N, C-alpha and C. Protein backbone atom coordinates (compact mmCIF):
# COMPACT_ATOMS: atom_id res chain seq x y z
N MET A 1 53.10 -131.77 -3.30
CA MET A 1 52.13 -132.43 -4.17
C MET A 1 52.30 -133.94 -4.07
N VAL A 2 51.23 -134.66 -4.13
CA VAL A 2 51.21 -136.11 -4.03
C VAL A 2 51.60 -136.72 -5.37
N GLN A 3 52.31 -137.84 -5.35
CA GLN A 3 52.67 -138.52 -6.59
C GLN A 3 51.41 -138.95 -7.32
N ALA A 4 51.45 -138.84 -8.65
CA ALA A 4 50.28 -139.14 -9.46
C ALA A 4 49.80 -140.57 -9.26
N THR A 5 50.71 -141.51 -9.17
CA THR A 5 50.29 -142.90 -9.08
C THR A 5 49.58 -143.20 -7.77
N SER A 6 49.93 -142.51 -6.70
CA SER A 6 49.31 -142.83 -5.42
C SER A 6 47.82 -142.48 -5.40
N TYR A 7 47.47 -141.31 -5.87
CA TYR A 7 46.05 -140.97 -5.85
C TYR A 7 45.31 -141.58 -7.03
N ALA A 8 45.96 -141.73 -8.17
CA ALA A 8 45.29 -142.28 -9.35
C ALA A 8 44.88 -143.73 -9.10
N ALA A 9 45.76 -144.52 -8.54
CA ALA A 9 45.43 -145.92 -8.25
C ALA A 9 44.30 -146.01 -7.23
N ALA A 10 44.31 -145.11 -6.27
CA ALA A 10 43.26 -145.11 -5.24
C ALA A 10 41.90 -144.78 -5.87
N PHE A 11 41.85 -143.73 -6.69
CA PHE A 11 40.59 -143.38 -7.34
C PHE A 11 40.13 -144.50 -8.27
N ASN A 12 41.05 -145.09 -9.01
CA ASN A 12 40.69 -146.20 -9.90
C ASN A 12 40.11 -147.37 -9.11
N ALA A 13 40.70 -147.65 -7.96
CA ALA A 13 40.23 -148.76 -7.13
C ALA A 13 38.79 -148.52 -6.67
N LEU A 14 38.45 -147.29 -6.39
CA LEU A 14 37.10 -146.98 -5.92
C LEU A 14 36.10 -146.79 -7.05
N GLY A 15 36.55 -146.99 -8.29
CA GLY A 15 35.66 -146.83 -9.43
C GLY A 15 34.60 -147.92 -9.55
N ASP A 16 34.80 -149.01 -8.84
CA ASP A 16 33.85 -150.12 -8.88
C ASP A 16 32.93 -150.04 -7.66
N PRO A 17 31.61 -150.15 -7.86
CA PRO A 17 30.68 -150.02 -6.73
C PRO A 17 30.88 -151.09 -5.64
N THR A 18 31.24 -152.29 -6.03
CA THR A 18 31.47 -153.34 -5.02
C THR A 18 32.69 -153.00 -4.18
N ARG A 19 33.75 -152.51 -4.82
CA ARG A 19 34.95 -152.12 -4.05
C ARG A 19 34.65 -150.96 -3.13
N ARG A 20 33.84 -150.01 -3.61
CA ARG A 20 33.47 -148.90 -2.73
C ARG A 20 32.71 -149.41 -1.52
N ALA A 21 31.81 -150.36 -1.74
CA ALA A 21 31.03 -150.92 -0.63
C ALA A 21 31.94 -151.65 0.36
N ILE A 22 32.90 -152.40 -0.15
CA ILE A 22 33.86 -153.08 0.72
C ILE A 22 34.66 -152.06 1.51
N PHE A 23 35.13 -151.03 0.83
CA PHE A 23 35.90 -149.95 1.48
C PHE A 23 35.07 -149.31 2.58
N GLU A 24 33.81 -149.05 2.30
CA GLU A 24 32.93 -148.44 3.30
C GLU A 24 32.72 -149.37 4.49
N GLN A 25 32.62 -150.67 4.25
CA GLN A 25 32.48 -151.63 5.35
C GLN A 25 33.70 -151.56 6.27
N LEU A 26 34.86 -151.33 5.70
CA LEU A 26 36.09 -151.27 6.49
C LEU A 26 36.21 -149.97 7.29
N SER A 27 35.36 -149.00 7.02
CA SER A 27 35.45 -147.74 7.76
C SER A 27 35.09 -147.92 9.23
N ASP A 28 34.38 -149.00 9.55
CA ASP A 28 34.05 -149.27 10.96
C ASP A 28 35.17 -149.99 11.70
N GLY A 29 36.17 -150.46 10.96
CA GLY A 29 37.29 -151.16 11.58
C GLY A 29 37.71 -152.36 10.76
N PRO A 30 38.81 -153.00 11.15
CA PRO A 30 39.34 -154.13 10.40
C PRO A 30 38.37 -155.30 10.35
N LEU A 31 38.39 -156.00 9.21
CA LEU A 31 37.54 -157.18 9.04
C LEU A 31 38.29 -158.25 8.28
N ALA A 32 37.95 -159.50 8.56
CA ALA A 32 38.48 -160.63 7.82
C ALA A 32 37.67 -160.80 6.54
N VAL A 33 38.26 -161.46 5.55
CA VAL A 33 37.58 -161.69 4.28
C VAL A 33 36.24 -162.39 4.50
N VAL A 34 36.24 -163.38 5.36
CA VAL A 34 35.01 -164.14 5.60
C VAL A 34 33.91 -163.23 6.15
N ASP A 35 34.28 -162.29 7.02
CA ASP A 35 33.28 -161.37 7.58
C ASP A 35 32.79 -160.38 6.53
N LEU A 36 33.70 -159.93 5.68
CA LEU A 36 33.29 -159.04 4.60
C LEU A 36 32.36 -159.76 3.63
N ALA A 37 32.70 -161.00 3.30
CA ALA A 37 31.90 -161.77 2.34
C ALA A 37 30.47 -161.97 2.84
N LYS A 38 30.30 -162.10 4.15
CA LYS A 38 28.96 -162.27 4.72
C LYS A 38 28.10 -161.02 4.49
N ARG A 39 28.75 -159.87 4.38
CA ARG A 39 28.04 -158.60 4.23
C ARG A 39 27.83 -158.19 2.78
N MET A 40 28.46 -158.91 1.86
CA MET A 40 28.45 -158.51 0.46
C MET A 40 27.64 -159.49 -0.40
N PRO A 41 27.07 -159.00 -1.49
CA PRO A 41 26.29 -159.88 -2.38
C PRO A 41 27.15 -160.61 -3.41
N VAL A 42 28.44 -160.75 -3.12
CA VAL A 42 29.35 -161.47 -4.03
C VAL A 42 30.06 -162.56 -3.24
N SER A 43 30.69 -163.47 -3.97
CA SER A 43 31.35 -164.62 -3.34
C SER A 43 32.61 -164.19 -2.57
N ARG A 44 33.06 -165.08 -1.72
CA ARG A 44 34.28 -164.83 -0.95
C ARG A 44 35.49 -164.63 -1.88
N PRO A 45 35.66 -165.47 -2.93
CA PRO A 45 36.78 -165.21 -3.85
C PRO A 45 36.68 -163.84 -4.54
N ALA A 46 35.46 -163.42 -4.84
CA ALA A 46 35.29 -162.10 -5.47
C ALA A 46 35.68 -160.99 -4.50
N VAL A 47 35.31 -161.15 -3.24
CA VAL A 47 35.71 -160.16 -2.22
C VAL A 47 37.23 -160.10 -2.14
N SER A 48 37.88 -161.25 -2.15
CA SER A 48 39.34 -161.30 -2.11
C SER A 48 39.95 -160.57 -3.30
N GLN A 49 39.38 -160.76 -4.47
CA GLN A 49 39.89 -160.07 -5.66
C GLN A 49 39.72 -158.56 -5.54
N HIS A 50 38.58 -158.14 -5.04
CA HIS A 50 38.35 -156.70 -4.85
C HIS A 50 39.31 -156.14 -3.80
N LEU A 51 39.55 -156.89 -2.75
CA LEU A 51 40.48 -156.44 -1.73
C LEU A 51 41.89 -156.29 -2.29
N LYS A 52 42.28 -157.18 -3.19
CA LYS A 52 43.61 -157.07 -3.80
C LYS A 52 43.74 -155.76 -4.56
N VAL A 53 42.69 -155.36 -5.27
CA VAL A 53 42.72 -154.09 -6.00
C VAL A 53 42.81 -152.92 -5.03
N LEU A 54 42.07 -153.00 -3.92
CA LEU A 54 42.12 -151.95 -2.91
C LEU A 54 43.51 -151.86 -2.26
N VAL A 55 44.12 -153.01 -2.02
CA VAL A 55 45.48 -153.04 -1.46
C VAL A 55 46.46 -152.44 -2.47
N ASP A 56 46.36 -152.88 -3.73
CA ASP A 56 47.24 -152.36 -4.78
C ASP A 56 47.04 -150.86 -4.98
N GLY A 57 45.84 -150.38 -4.73
CA GLY A 57 45.54 -148.95 -4.86
C GLY A 57 45.98 -148.14 -3.66
N GLY A 58 46.51 -148.80 -2.65
CA GLY A 58 47.00 -148.10 -1.46
C GLY A 58 45.93 -147.68 -0.48
N LEU A 59 44.71 -148.19 -0.64
CA LEU A 59 43.62 -147.78 0.24
C LEU A 59 43.40 -148.72 1.41
N VAL A 60 43.91 -149.94 1.31
CA VAL A 60 43.66 -150.96 2.33
C VAL A 60 44.97 -151.67 2.61
N THR A 61 45.17 -152.03 3.87
CA THR A 61 46.33 -152.83 4.24
C THR A 61 45.87 -154.19 4.73
N LEU A 62 46.77 -155.13 4.68
CA LEU A 62 46.51 -156.51 5.06
C LEU A 62 47.35 -156.85 6.27
N GLU A 63 46.72 -157.48 7.25
CA GLU A 63 47.43 -157.94 8.44
C GLU A 63 46.99 -159.37 8.72
N SER A 64 47.95 -160.26 8.81
CA SER A 64 47.63 -161.66 9.11
C SER A 64 47.53 -161.85 10.61
N LYS A 65 46.43 -162.46 11.02
CA LYS A 65 46.21 -162.80 12.43
C LYS A 65 45.87 -164.29 12.47
N GLY A 66 46.85 -165.08 12.83
CA GLY A 66 46.64 -166.52 12.81
C GLY A 66 46.45 -166.99 11.39
N ARG A 67 45.35 -167.68 11.15
CA ARG A 67 45.06 -168.17 9.80
C ARG A 67 44.19 -167.21 9.00
N GLN A 68 43.81 -166.10 9.59
CA GLN A 68 42.93 -165.15 8.90
C GLN A 68 43.69 -163.90 8.50
N ASN A 69 43.29 -163.36 7.37
CA ASN A 69 43.80 -162.06 6.92
C ASN A 69 42.77 -161.00 7.27
N HIS A 70 43.21 -159.98 7.97
CA HIS A 70 42.34 -158.87 8.32
C HIS A 70 42.75 -157.66 7.48
N TYR A 71 41.74 -156.96 6.98
CA TYR A 71 41.97 -155.80 6.15
C TYR A 71 41.48 -154.57 6.89
N ARG A 72 42.21 -153.48 6.69
CA ARG A 72 41.83 -152.20 7.30
C ARG A 72 42.13 -151.09 6.31
N ILE A 73 41.46 -149.97 6.48
CA ILE A 73 41.71 -148.80 5.64
C ILE A 73 43.10 -148.26 5.95
N ASP A 74 43.83 -147.92 4.90
CA ASP A 74 45.15 -147.32 5.05
C ASP A 74 45.00 -145.80 4.98
N PRO A 75 45.21 -145.11 6.09
CA PRO A 75 45.03 -143.65 6.09
C PRO A 75 45.93 -142.92 5.08
N LYS A 76 47.09 -143.50 4.76
CA LYS A 76 47.99 -142.85 3.80
C LYS A 76 47.35 -142.78 2.41
N GLY A 77 46.63 -143.82 2.02
CA GLY A 77 45.96 -143.82 0.72
C GLY A 77 44.83 -142.81 0.67
N VAL A 78 44.09 -142.73 1.76
CA VAL A 78 42.98 -141.77 1.84
C VAL A 78 43.55 -140.34 1.83
N LEU A 79 44.66 -140.14 2.52
CA LEU A 79 45.29 -138.82 2.56
C LEU A 79 45.79 -138.41 1.16
N ALA A 80 46.30 -139.37 0.40
CA ALA A 80 46.76 -139.05 -0.96
C ALA A 80 45.61 -138.54 -1.81
N MET A 81 44.44 -139.18 -1.69
CA MET A 81 43.28 -138.71 -2.45
C MET A 81 42.84 -137.34 -1.96
N ARG A 82 42.84 -137.15 -0.66
CA ARG A 82 42.43 -135.86 -0.10
C ARG A 82 43.37 -134.75 -0.54
N ASP A 83 44.67 -135.02 -0.50
CA ASP A 83 45.64 -134.01 -0.94
C ASP A 83 45.42 -133.63 -2.39
N TYR A 84 45.14 -134.63 -3.23
CA TYR A 84 44.88 -134.36 -4.64
C TYR A 84 43.64 -133.48 -4.79
N LEU A 85 42.56 -133.84 -4.12
CA LEU A 85 41.33 -133.05 -4.22
C LEU A 85 41.52 -131.64 -3.66
N ASP A 86 42.28 -131.53 -2.57
CA ASP A 86 42.57 -130.20 -2.02
C ASP A 86 43.32 -129.34 -3.03
N SER A 87 44.28 -129.95 -3.73
CA SER A 87 45.04 -129.18 -4.72
C SER A 87 44.14 -128.73 -5.86
N MET A 88 43.20 -129.58 -6.27
CA MET A 88 42.27 -129.20 -7.33
C MET A 88 41.35 -128.07 -6.85
N TRP A 89 40.95 -128.15 -5.60
CA TRP A 89 40.08 -127.12 -5.02
C TRP A 89 40.82 -125.79 -4.98
N ASP A 90 42.10 -125.82 -4.59
CA ASP A 90 42.90 -124.59 -4.55
C ASP A 90 43.00 -123.96 -5.94
N VAL A 91 43.20 -124.79 -6.96
CA VAL A 91 43.28 -124.29 -8.34
C VAL A 91 41.94 -123.68 -8.75
N ALA A 92 40.85 -124.37 -8.43
CA ALA A 92 39.52 -123.87 -8.79
C ALA A 92 39.22 -122.55 -8.08
N LEU A 93 39.56 -122.44 -6.82
CA LEU A 93 39.31 -121.19 -6.09
C LEU A 93 40.14 -120.04 -6.65
N HIS A 94 41.37 -120.33 -7.00
CA HIS A 94 42.23 -119.29 -7.59
C HIS A 94 41.64 -118.82 -8.92
N ALA A 95 41.18 -119.75 -9.75
CA ALA A 95 40.59 -119.39 -11.04
C ALA A 95 39.32 -118.55 -10.83
N PHE A 96 38.52 -118.92 -9.82
CA PHE A 96 37.31 -118.15 -9.52
C PHE A 96 37.67 -116.74 -9.08
N LYS A 97 38.70 -116.62 -8.25
CA LYS A 97 39.14 -115.31 -7.77
C LYS A 97 39.55 -114.44 -8.95
N LEU A 98 40.35 -115.00 -9.86
CA LEU A 98 40.78 -114.23 -11.02
C LEU A 98 39.60 -113.82 -11.89
N ALA A 99 38.65 -114.72 -12.09
CA ALA A 99 37.47 -114.40 -12.89
C ALA A 99 36.65 -113.30 -12.24
N ALA A 100 36.50 -113.37 -10.92
CA ALA A 100 35.72 -112.35 -10.20
C ALA A 100 36.42 -111.00 -10.27
N GLU A 101 37.73 -110.99 -10.12
CA GLU A 101 38.48 -109.74 -10.21
C GLU A 101 38.37 -109.15 -11.62
N ASN A 102 38.45 -110.00 -12.62
CA ASN A 102 38.36 -109.54 -14.01
C ASN A 102 36.96 -108.98 -14.28
N GLU A 103 35.93 -109.64 -13.77
CA GLU A 103 34.56 -109.17 -13.95
C GLU A 103 34.37 -107.82 -13.23
N GLY A 104 34.99 -107.67 -12.06
CA GLY A 104 34.90 -106.42 -11.31
C GLY A 104 35.51 -105.26 -12.07
N ARG A 105 36.61 -105.53 -12.78
CA ARG A 105 37.25 -104.48 -13.58
C ARG A 105 36.37 -104.07 -14.76
N LYS A 106 35.64 -105.03 -15.33
CA LYS A 106 34.80 -104.74 -16.49
C LYS A 106 33.62 -103.85 -16.11
N THR A 107 33.10 -104.01 -14.90
CA THR A 107 31.90 -103.27 -14.50
C THR A 107 32.22 -101.87 -14.02
N ARG A 108 33.47 -101.56 -13.84
CA ARG A 108 33.83 -100.22 -13.35
C ARG A 108 33.83 -99.22 -14.45
């Protein structure tokens, strides 16, 4: 099971529509803040603040290249969210199975 803080911080980070949009922009590959800001309807400082939340949430990593910071999606953060959702799905399927079996016993 994944630690609660790893997936919780990631989901919280994606709770903001602007951060989700930034995260989606990074799905095509690493980008510098200046390049992200050109694609977003918010200022460059705002993009930087959103990126900090994404980094703190474990969804994005920072790599310095010369004078620019490039951001990329961190697969470990995405995997933490996926593991959490998979575990919830397993619980839901098990509950459905038990309910179906119980209903089958009632109709006999």
